[in-house]
Amino acid sequence: MFAAITCGKKAEAGVRGSDGFSLPRPYVQSDKSLRVAVFAGGCFWCMEPPFEKLAGVKAVISGYAGGSEKNPTYDEVSYGRSSHVESVLVLYDPKVVSYEKLLAVFWQNINPEQDDGQFYDRGPQYMTYIFYANEAERQLAEKSKADLLATKKFSRIATRLAPATAFWPAEDYHQDYYKKNPDHYQRYRVGSGRDAYLRNKWQP
């Protein structure tokens, strides 16, 4: 029933928004009171809502990270024609929400054991990453990864850590996709198996 509903290329035929980019590419953070954190958790549609719910988070932007190509497009990334992965940039106030809290939310919204993508979105463009901006973030990410493994909920952690490079915001129609296309978004989440997996792992 849900086989044709995926984050990306197979869903694109039903999405007819602007193909343009309203956000600066690459993203530049200018407000010194705020920080950014970049995570790749598979389908970027699914990674916006959990972060946007947090107090202290000012914005969550879907986009592309980790690759070497400039100005990547959705078609290039989703079809594996680039070295980028689908990612989200979280703009947050560190006085209100900590980087450690963002890491916890990240882990609780992915399958960290899966090394070939996320759920039924397969390929390196859907693998999970934490992109750290400095040594302090790297150490916190490493600790959170070790702490997660120590819970014994998982047999391994396949999520990779990598230094943050340029973040390229995605096309406008991907931003806040879950708000713009709630029916399709919910069908995708259920059909992908993400929701069932997260309930099984995290709900008592």
Protein backbone atom coordinates (compact mmCIF):
# COMPACT_ATOMS: atom_id res chain seq x y z
CA MET A 1 0.00 0.00 0.00
CA PHE A 2 2.80 2.40 0.84
CA ALA A 3 5.47 1.06 -1.49
CA ALA A 4 5.44 4.12 -3.76
CA ILE A 5 5.54 6.69 -0.98
CA THR A 6 9.10 7.68 -0.18
CA CYS A 7 10.93 10.74 0.99
CA GLY A 8 12.08 12.16 -2.24
CA LYS A 9 12.24 10.98 -5.78
CA LYS A 10 9.12 8.78 -5.85
CA ALA A 11 7.06 11.38 -4.01
CA GLU A 12 8.22 14.25 -6.18
CA ALA A 13 5.57 13.71 -8.83
CA GLY A 14 2.96 14.70 -6.27
CA VAL A 15 4.83 17.80 -5.15
CA ARG A 16 4.49 20.80 -7.39
CA GLY A 17 5.97 23.73 -5.51
CA SER A 18 8.71 26.12 -6.43
CA ASP A 19 12.01 24.61 -7.46
CA GLY A 20 13.78 27.75 -6.27
CA PHE A 21 15.89 28.42 -3.23
CA SER A 22 14.90 31.30 -0.97
CA LEU A 23 17.53 30.66 1.71
CA PRO A 24 21.18 31.68 1.20
CA ARG A 25 23.31 28.90 -0.26
CA PRO A 26 25.47 27.90 1.43
CA TYR A 27 23.89 28.78 4.76
CA VAL A 28 25.68 31.48 6.77
CA GLN A 29 24.97 31.97 10.46
CA SER A 30 25.22 35.67 11.34
CA ASP A 31 23.51 35.94 14.76
CA LYS A 32 26.31 35.37 17.26
CA SER A 33 23.87 34.67 20.09
CA LEU A 34 22.60 31.56 18.32
CA ARG A 35 24.30 28.34 17.29
CA VAL A 36 23.74 25.75 14.61
CA ALA A 37 23.78 21.97 14.77
CA VAL A 38 23.63 19.74 11.70
CA PHE A 39 22.26 16.20 11.69
CA ALA A 40 21.50 13.65 8.98
CA GLY A 41 18.72 11.29 9.96
CA GLY A 42 17.48 9.95 6.64
CA CYS A 43 14.47 11.70 5.15
CA PHE A 44 14.83 15.34 6.11
CA TRP A 45 11.05 15.81 6.19
CA CYS A 46 10.94 13.56 9.25
CA MET A 47 13.72 15.31 11.14
CA GLU A 48 12.18 18.79 11.17
CA PRO A 49 9.19 18.23 13.53
CA PRO A 50 11.00 16.76 16.56
CA PHE A 51 13.50 19.62 16.69
CA GLU A 52 10.95 22.35 15.97
CA LYS A 53 8.99 21.29 19.05
CA LEU A 54 11.87 22.17 21.36
CA ALA A 55 11.92 25.43 23.31
CA GLY A 56 14.97 27.40 22.27
CA VAL A 57 15.02 26.13 18.70
CA LYS A 58 14.56 29.10 16.38
CA ALA A 59 14.45 27.29 13.03
CA VAL A 60 15.02 23.92 11.40
CA ILE A 61 16.14 23.93 7.78
CA SER A 62 16.14 20.93 5.46
CA GLY A 63 19.14 20.66 3.19
CA TYR A 64 22.26 18.85 2.07
CA ALA A 65 25.54 18.39 3.92
CA GLY A 66 28.73 16.40 4.01
CA GLY A 67 29.54 16.47 0.32
CA SER A 68 32.01 18.29 -1.85
CA GLU A 69 29.75 19.53 -4.65
CA LYS A 70 28.60 23.14 -4.67
CA ASN A 71 24.93 24.05 -5.12
CA PRO A 72 23.56 20.50 -4.88
CA THR A 73 19.96 19.98 -5.94
CA TYR A 74 17.35 17.59 -4.68
CA ASP A 75 17.50 15.43 -7.79
CA GLU A 76 21.27 15.09 -7.51
CA VAL A 77 21.22 14.17 -3.83
CA SER A 78 18.13 11.94 -3.73
CA TYR A 79 19.32 9.89 -6.71
CA GLY A 80 22.80 9.48 -5.24
CA ARG A 81 24.48 11.65 -7.84
CA SER A 82 26.37 13.64 -5.22
CA SER A 83 28.39 12.98 -2.07
CA HIS A 84 25.90 14.87 0.11
CA VAL A 85 23.35 13.42 2.54
CA GLU A 86 19.88 14.72 3.33
CA SER A 87 20.29 16.73 6.54
CA VAL A 88 18.74 19.33 8.80
CA LEU A 89 20.32 22.43 10.26
CA VAL A 90 19.00 23.34 13.70
CA LEU A 91 19.33 26.98 14.69
CA TYR A 92 19.09 27.23 18.47
CA ASP A 93 19.65 29.39 21.52
CA PRO A 94 22.23 27.65 23.74
CA LYS A 95 20.90 29.55 26.77
CA VAL A 96 17.59 27.71 26.41
CA VAL A 97 18.41 24.33 24.89
CA SER A 98 21.71 22.46 25.09
CA TYR A 99 23.61 20.64 22.37
CA GLU A 100 23.28 17.51 24.54
CA LYS A 101 19.48 17.81 24.34
CA LEU A 102 19.65 18.11 20.56
CA LEU A 103 21.76 14.95 20.44
CA ALA A 104 19.20 13.09 22.55
CA VAL A 105 16.37 14.15 20.23
CA PHE A 106 18.41 13.08 17.21
CA TRP A 107 19.03 9.57 18.56
CA GLN A 108 15.38 9.11 19.50
CA ASN A 109 14.23 9.82 15.93
CA ILE A 110 16.44 7.49 13.89
CA ASN A 111 17.46 3.85 13.61
CA PRO A 112 21.13 4.13 14.61
CA GLU A 113 21.84 0.48 13.78
CA GLN A 114 20.99 0.81 10.08
CA ASP A 115 24.04 1.41 7.90
CA ASP A 116 22.50 1.46 4.40
CA GLY A 117 20.16 4.43 4.81
CA GLN A 118 17.12 4.96 7.00
CA PHE A 119 14.11 2.69 6.95
CA TYR A 120 13.16 2.13 3.32
CA ASP A 121 15.12 5.09 1.99
CA ARG A 122 18.34 3.30 1.06
CA GLY A 123 21.67 4.57 -0.17
CA PRO A 124 24.55 6.67 1.18
CA GLN A 125 22.48 9.83 0.70
CA TYR A 126 20.19 8.63 3.54
CA MET A 127 22.82 7.48 6.01
CA THR A 128 22.92 9.00 9.49
CA TYR A 129 25.52 11.53 10.58
CA ILE A 130 26.29 14.00 13.32
CA PHE A 131 28.24 16.90 11.81
CA TYR A 132 30.22 18.55 14.60
CA ALA A 133 31.44 22.14 14.41
CA ASN A 134 34.27 21.96 16.93
CA GLU A 135 36.12 19.67 19.32
CA ALA A 136 33.65 20.25 22.16
CA GLU A 137 30.76 19.10 19.96
CA ARG A 138 32.76 16.11 18.76
CA GLN A 139 33.40 15.00 22.33
CA LEU A 140 29.75 15.44 23.30
CA ALA A 141 28.66 13.49 20.22
CA GLU A 142 31.11 10.68 20.99
CA LYS A 143 29.87 10.52 24.58
CA SER A 144 26.23 10.43 23.51
CA LYS A 145 27.02 7.64 21.08
CA ALA A 146 28.77 5.62 23.80
CA ASP A 147 25.94 6.28 26.25
CA LEU A 148 23.39 5.09 23.70
CA LEU A 149 25.27 1.85 23.12
CA ALA A 150 25.47 1.35 26.89
CA THR A 151 21.65 1.29 27.11
CA LYS A 152 21.79 -2.09 25.33
CA LYS A 153 18.80 -1.08 23.20
CA PHE A 154 21.06 -1.44 20.17
CA SER A 155 23.61 -4.03 19.11
CA ARG A 156 25.72 -1.42 17.30
CA ILE A 157 25.71 2.25 16.36
CA ALA A 158 26.25 2.80 12.64
CA THR A 159 25.80 6.58 12.78
CA ARG A 160 28.92 8.42 11.69
CA LEU A 161 30.53 11.55 13.11
CA ALA A 162 32.11 14.02 10.69
CA PRO A 163 33.30 17.62 10.77
CA ALA A 164 30.72 20.11 9.58
CA THR A 165 31.31 21.71 6.21
CA ALA A 166 29.02 23.86 4.05
CA PHE A 167 25.29 23.33 4.55
CA TRP A 168 23.14 23.86 1.47
CA PRO A 169 19.43 24.58 2.17
CA ALA A 170 17.06 22.47 0.09
CA GLU A 171 14.51 23.76 -2.38
CA ASP A 172 11.63 25.74 -0.92
CA TYR A 173 9.02 23.01 -1.32
CA HIS A 174 10.95 20.76 1.07
CA GLN A 175 10.99 23.30 3.90
CA ASP A 176 8.27 22.49 6.48
CA TYR A 177 7.01 19.75 4.18
CA TYR A 178 5.11 18.14 7.04
CA LYS A 179 3.05 21.32 7.45
CA LYS A 180 2.47 21.93 3.75
CA ASN A 181 1.58 18.33 2.85
CA PRO A 182 0.39 16.69 6.09
CA ASP A 183 -1.51 13.80 4.49
CA HIS A 184 1.35 12.68 2.28
CA TYR A 185 3.83 13.20 5.07
CA GLN A 186 1.88 10.99 7.46
CA ARG A 187 1.47 8.26 4.84
CA TYR A 188 5.21 8.35 4.25
CA ARG A 189 6.06 8.12 7.96
CA VAL A 190 3.74 5.16 8.51
CA GLY A 191 4.70 3.41 5.29
CA SER A 192 8.42 3.80 5.84
CA GLY A 193 8.23 1.99 9.17
CA ARG A 194 9.83 4.87 11.06
CA ASP A 195 6.96 5.45 13.49
CA ALA A 196 6.53 1.78 14.36
CA TYR A 197 10.25 1.41 14.95
CA LEU A 198 10.46 4.47 17.20
CA ARG A 199 7.46 3.37 19.26
CA ASN A 200 9.03 -0.04 19.74
CA LYS A 201 12.39 1.36 20.82
CA TRP A 202 11.43 4.34 22.92
CA GLN A 203 7.90 4.03 24.25
CA PRO A 204 7.45 2.01 27.48
